[in-house]
Amino acid sequence: MKPFALVALVAFIVAGCGGGSSGSGLYTLPATKKCLRTTAKITNFASVGADDFVASTASKGALRVTLPDSDAVTMLFGQSAQEASNLADAYRRFHAKNVGVEDVLRTDNNVVLLWQLHPSSGDENTIHDCLK
């Protein structure tokens, strides 16, 4: 009986440590947008539609944010870091030949950031600080 109890206890602990499918630790579009609006005081948001095929496939949504200093970033939210990696790979595959995509493409956990211009460190910090 004791070995069974020990196995059950170990299984219970391991199941609790995996993070499960709740997605804890993943960034979400609603929480990020709320932070950008309230903390960073950014109000210029646009939905991303058919004009950006890759963004339209992000399972947890996409958002285009225009920052005060005229740069903009498209934020794609995936359900996992692997999905974000796949979305970033799609941008690499489909970018125009005269665009240095690596200069404007970033991933952070389950989010892909595609900047319009090479981002300033201030803009990057603003966005990064609001990933929630």
C-alpha atoms as a PDB file:
ATOM      1  CA  MET A   1       0.000   0.000   0.000  1.00  0.00           C
ATOM      2  CA  LYS A   2       2.823   2.426   0.741  1.00  0.00           C
ATOM      3  CA  PRO A   3       4.412   2.149  -2.736  1.00  0.00           C
ATOM      4  CA  PHE A   4       1.028   2.921  -4.291  1.00  0.00           C
ATOM      5  CA  ALA A   5       0.613   5.991  -2.081  1.00  0.00           C
ATOM      6  CA  LEU A   6       4.105   7.190  -3.002  1.00  0.00           C
ATOM      7  CA  VAL A   7       3.433   6.743  -6.721  1.00  0.00           C
ATOM      8  CA  ALA A   8       0.120   8.575  -6.380  1.00  0.00           C
ATOM      9  CA  LEU A   9       1.790  11.436  -4.506  1.00  0.00           C
ATOM     10  CA  VAL A  10       4.552  11.768  -7.140  1.00  0.00           C
ATOM     11  CA  ALA A  11       1.950  11.710  -9.951  1.00  0.00           C
ATOM     12  CA  PHE A  12      -0.055  14.411  -8.171  1.00  0.00           C
ATOM     13  CA  ILE A  13       3.009  16.642  -7.729  1.00  0.00           C
ATOM     14  CA  VAL A  14       4.164  16.202 -11.325  1.00  0.00           C
ATOM     15  CA  ALA A  15       0.690  16.959 -12.664  1.00  0.00           C
ATOM     16  CA  GLY A  16       0.591  20.167 -10.660  1.00  0.00           C
ATOM     17  CA  CYS A  17       3.990  21.378 -11.848  1.00  0.00           C
ATOM     18  CA  GLY A  18       3.461  21.204 -15.575  1.00  0.00           C
ATOM     19  CA  GLY A  19       1.493  24.372 -15.984  1.00  0.00           C
ATOM     20  CA  GLY A  20      -1.275  22.364 -17.620  1.00  0.00           C
ATOM     21  CA  SER A  21      -3.275  23.750 -20.486  1.00  0.00           C
ATOM     22  CA  SER A  22      -4.310  26.874 -18.611  1.00  0.00           C
ATOM     23  CA  GLY A  23      -1.528  28.753 -20.381  1.00  0.00           C
ATOM     24  CA  SER A  24      -0.141  30.348 -17.243  1.00  0.00           C
ATOM     25  CA  GLY A  25       2.846  32.470 -18.080  1.00  0.00           C
ATOM     26  CA  LEU A  26       1.546  33.263 -21.562  1.00  0.00           C
ATOM     27  CA  TYR A  27       0.842  36.798 -22.689  1.00  0.00           C
ATOM     28  CA  THR A  28      -2.687  37.741 -23.715  1.00  0.00           C
ATOM     29  CA  LEU A  29      -3.969  40.375 -26.086  1.00  0.00           C
ATOM     30  CA  PRO A  30      -6.610  41.822 -23.714  1.00  0.00           C
ATOM     31  CA  ALA A  31      -4.230  42.270 -20.763  1.00  0.00           C
ATOM     32  CA  THR A  32      -1.475  43.680 -22.975  1.00  0.00           C
ATOM     33  CA  LYS A  33      -3.847  46.116 -24.660  1.00  0.00           C
ATOM     34  CA  LYS A  34      -5.161  47.252 -21.277  1.00  0.00           C
ATOM     35  CA  CYS A  35      -1.609  47.950 -20.068  1.00  0.00           C
ATOM     36  CA  LEU A  36      -0.738  49.828 -23.236  1.00  0.00           C
ATOM     37  CA  ARG A  37      -3.853  51.950 -22.841  1.00  0.00           C
ATOM     38  CA  THR A  38      -3.637  52.639 -19.101  1.00  0.00           C
ATOM     39  CA  THR A  39       0.077  52.518 -18.278  1.00  0.00           C
ATOM     40  CA  ALA A  40       1.748  53.565 -21.533  1.00  0.00           C
ATOM     41  CA  LYS A  41      -1.111  55.924 -22.505  1.00  0.00           C
ATOM     42  CA  ILE A  42      -1.239  54.526 -26.043  1.00  0.00           C
ATOM     43  CA  THR A  43      -4.639  54.781 -27.672  1.00  0.00           C
ATOM     44  CA  ASN A  44      -3.950  54.147 -31.356  1.00  0.00           C
ATOM     45  CA  PHE A  45      -4.864  50.488 -31.928  1.00  0.00           C
ATOM     46  CA  ALA A  46      -6.074  48.757 -35.054  1.00  0.00           C
ATOM     47  CA  SER A  47      -7.274  45.258 -35.739  1.00  0.00           C
ATOM     48  CA  VAL A  48      -5.213  43.198 -38.125  1.00  0.00           C
ATOM     49  CA  GLY A  49      -7.221  41.669 -40.901  1.00  0.00           C
ATOM     50  CA  ALA A  50      -6.782  40.133 -44.300  1.00  0.00           C
ATOM     51  CA  ASP A  51      -4.102  42.672 -45.220  1.00  0.00           C
ATOM     52  CA  ASP A  52      -1.661  40.642 -43.089  1.00  0.00           C
ATOM     53  CA  PHE A  53      -2.255  36.955 -43.746  1.00  0.00           C
ATOM     54  CA  VAL A  54       0.289  35.773 -41.163  1.00  0.00           C
ATOM     55  CA  ALA A  55      -1.212  37.928 -38.411  1.00  0.00           C
ATOM     56  CA  SER A  56      -4.707  36.784 -39.313  1.00  0.00           C
ATOM     57  CA  THR A  57      -3.688  33.207 -38.457  1.00  0.00           C
ATOM     58  CA  ALA A  58      -2.534  33.949 -34.872  1.00  0.00           C
ATOM     59  CA  SER A  59      -4.770  31.783 -32.679  1.00  0.00           C
ATOM     60  CA  LYS A  60      -5.022  34.268 -29.801  1.00  0.00           C
ATOM     61  CA  GLY A  61      -5.395  37.381 -31.959  1.00  0.00           C
ATOM     62  CA  ALA A  62      -3.321  40.194 -33.385  1.00  0.00           C
ATOM     63  CA  LEU A  63      -3.177  43.926 -32.857  1.00  0.00           C
ATOM     64  CA  ARG A  64      -1.452  46.815 -34.597  1.00  0.00           C
ATOM     65  CA  VAL A  65      -0.181  49.502 -32.235  1.00  0.00           C
ATOM     66  CA  THR A  66       0.998  52.927 -33.371  1.00  0.00           C
ATOM     67  CA  LEU A  67       3.410  54.492 -30.915  1.00  0.00           C
ATOM     68  CA  PRO A  68       3.717  58.232 -30.249  1.00  0.00           C
ATOM     69  CA  ASP A  69       7.037  58.625 -32.086  1.00  0.00           C
ATOM     70  CA  SER A  70       5.544  57.313 -35.374  1.00  0.00           C
ATOM     71  CA  ASP A  71       6.740  53.726 -35.225  1.00  0.00           C
ATOM     72  CA  ALA A  72       4.214  50.911 -35.234  1.00  0.00           C
ATOM     73  CA  VAL A  73       4.269  47.276 -34.230  1.00  0.00           C
ATOM     74  CA  THR A  74       2.040  44.367 -35.138  1.00  0.00           C
ATOM     75  CA  MET A  75       1.633  42.027 -32.180  1.00  0.00           C
ATOM     76  CA  LEU A  76       0.599  38.420 -32.797  1.00  0.00           C
ATOM     77  CA  PHE A  77      -0.501  36.297 -29.848  1.00  0.00           C
ATOM     78  CA  GLY A  78      -0.183  32.545 -30.141  1.00  0.00           C
ATOM     79  CA  GLN A  79      -1.283  29.841 -27.771  1.00  0.00           C
ATOM     80  CA  SER A  80       2.334  28.775 -27.191  1.00  0.00           C
ATOM     81  CA  ALA A  81       5.933  29.761 -27.775  1.00  0.00           C
ATOM     82  CA  GLN A  82       6.020  27.148 -30.547  1.00  0.00           C
ATOM     83  CA  GLU A  83       3.152  28.850 -32.352  1.00  0.00           C
ATOM     84  CA  ALA A  84       4.961  32.194 -32.047  1.00  0.00           C
ATOM     85  CA  SER A  85       8.062  30.613 -33.540  1.00  0.00           C
ATOM     86  CA  ASN A  86       5.993  29.235 -36.431  1.00  0.00           C
ATOM     87  CA  LEU A  87       4.397  32.653 -37.047  1.00  0.00           C
ATOM     88  CA  ALA A  88       7.818  34.337 -37.059  1.00  0.00           C
ATOM     89  CA  ASP A  89       9.045  31.704 -39.530  1.00  0.00           C
ATOM     90  CA  ALA A  90       6.094  32.510 -41.780  1.00  0.00           C
ATOM     91  CA  TYR A  91       7.097  36.194 -41.808  1.00  0.00           C
ATOM     92  CA  ARG A  92      10.632  35.148 -42.707  1.00  0.00           C
ATOM     93  CA  ARG A  93       9.328  33.038 -45.594  1.00  0.00           C
ATOM     94  CA  PHE A  94       6.905  35.580 -47.029  1.00  0.00           C
ATOM     95  CA  HIS A  95       8.735  38.904 -46.570  1.00  0.00           C
ATOM     96  CA  ALA A  96       9.604  41.096 -49.520  1.00  0.00           C
ATOM     97  CA  LYS A  97      13.121  40.501 -50.783  1.00  0.00           C
ATOM     98  CA  ASN A  98      14.132  44.112 -50.144  1.00  0.00           C
ATOM     99  CA  VAL A  99      13.001  44.029 -46.477  1.00  0.00           C
ATOM    100  CA  GLY A 100      15.495  43.102 -43.767  1.00  0.00           C
ATOM    101  CA  VAL A 101      12.916  41.254 -41.715  1.00  0.00           C
ATOM    102  CA  GLU A 102      15.363  40.168 -39.003  1.00  0.00           C
ATOM    103  CA  ASP A 103      15.886  43.831 -38.099  1.00  0.00           C
ATOM    104  CA  VAL A 104      12.202  44.329 -37.282  1.00  0.00           C
ATOM    105  CA  LEU A 105      11.039  40.873 -36.148  1.00  0.00           C
ATOM    106  CA  ARG A 106      11.086  39.775 -32.503  1.00  0.00           C
ATOM    107  CA  THR A 107       9.543  36.947 -30.499  1.00  0.00           C
ATOM    108  CA  ASP A 108       8.891  36.869 -26.777  1.00  0.00           C
ATOM    109  CA  ASN A 109       7.356  33.704 -25.377  1.00  0.00           C
ATOM    110  CA  ASN A 110       4.029  33.336 -27.241  1.00  0.00           C
ATOM    111  CA  VAL A 111       4.125  36.776 -28.913  1.00  0.00           C
ATOM    112  CA  VAL A 112       5.572  37.868 -32.246  1.00  0.00           C
ATOM    113  CA  LEU A 113       6.406  41.544 -32.710  1.00  0.00           C
ATOM    114  CA  LEU A 114       6.778  42.865 -36.249  1.00  0.00           C
ATOM    115  CA  TRP A 115       7.920  46.486 -36.208  1.00  0.00           C
ATOM    116  CA  GLN A 116       7.316  48.931 -39.043  1.00  0.00           C
ATOM    117  CA  LEU A 117      10.771  50.473 -38.539  1.00  0.00           C
ATOM    118  CA  HIS A 118      13.800  49.465 -36.533  1.00  0.00           C
ATOM    119  CA  PRO A 119      12.436  50.121 -33.025  1.00  0.00           C
ATOM    120  CA  SER A 120      14.026  52.533 -30.593  1.00  0.00           C
ATOM    121  CA  SER A 121      14.975  51.056 -27.245  1.00  0.00           C
ATOM    122  CA  GLY A 122      12.272  53.223 -25.643  1.00  0.00           C
ATOM    123  CA  ASP A 123       9.567  51.812 -27.911  1.00  0.00           C
ATOM    124  CA  GLU A 124      10.782  48.261 -27.359  1.00  0.00           C
ATOM    125  CA  ASN A 125      10.747  48.801 -23.593  1.00  0.00           C
ATOM    126  CA  THR A 126       7.256  50.289 -23.696  1.00  0.00           C
ATOM    127  CA  ILE A 127       5.896  47.266 -25.547  1.00  0.00           C
ATOM    128  CA  HIS A 128       7.888  44.719 -23.544  1.00  0.00           C
ATOM    129  CA  ASP A 129       6.845  46.257 -20.214  1.00  0.00           C
ATOM    130  CA  CYS A 130       3.171  45.869 -21.191  1.00  0.00           C
ATOM    131  CA  LEU A 131       3.313  42.253 -22.297  1.00  0.00           C
ATOM    132  CA  LYS A 132       0.948  40.713 -19.777  1.00  0.00           C
END
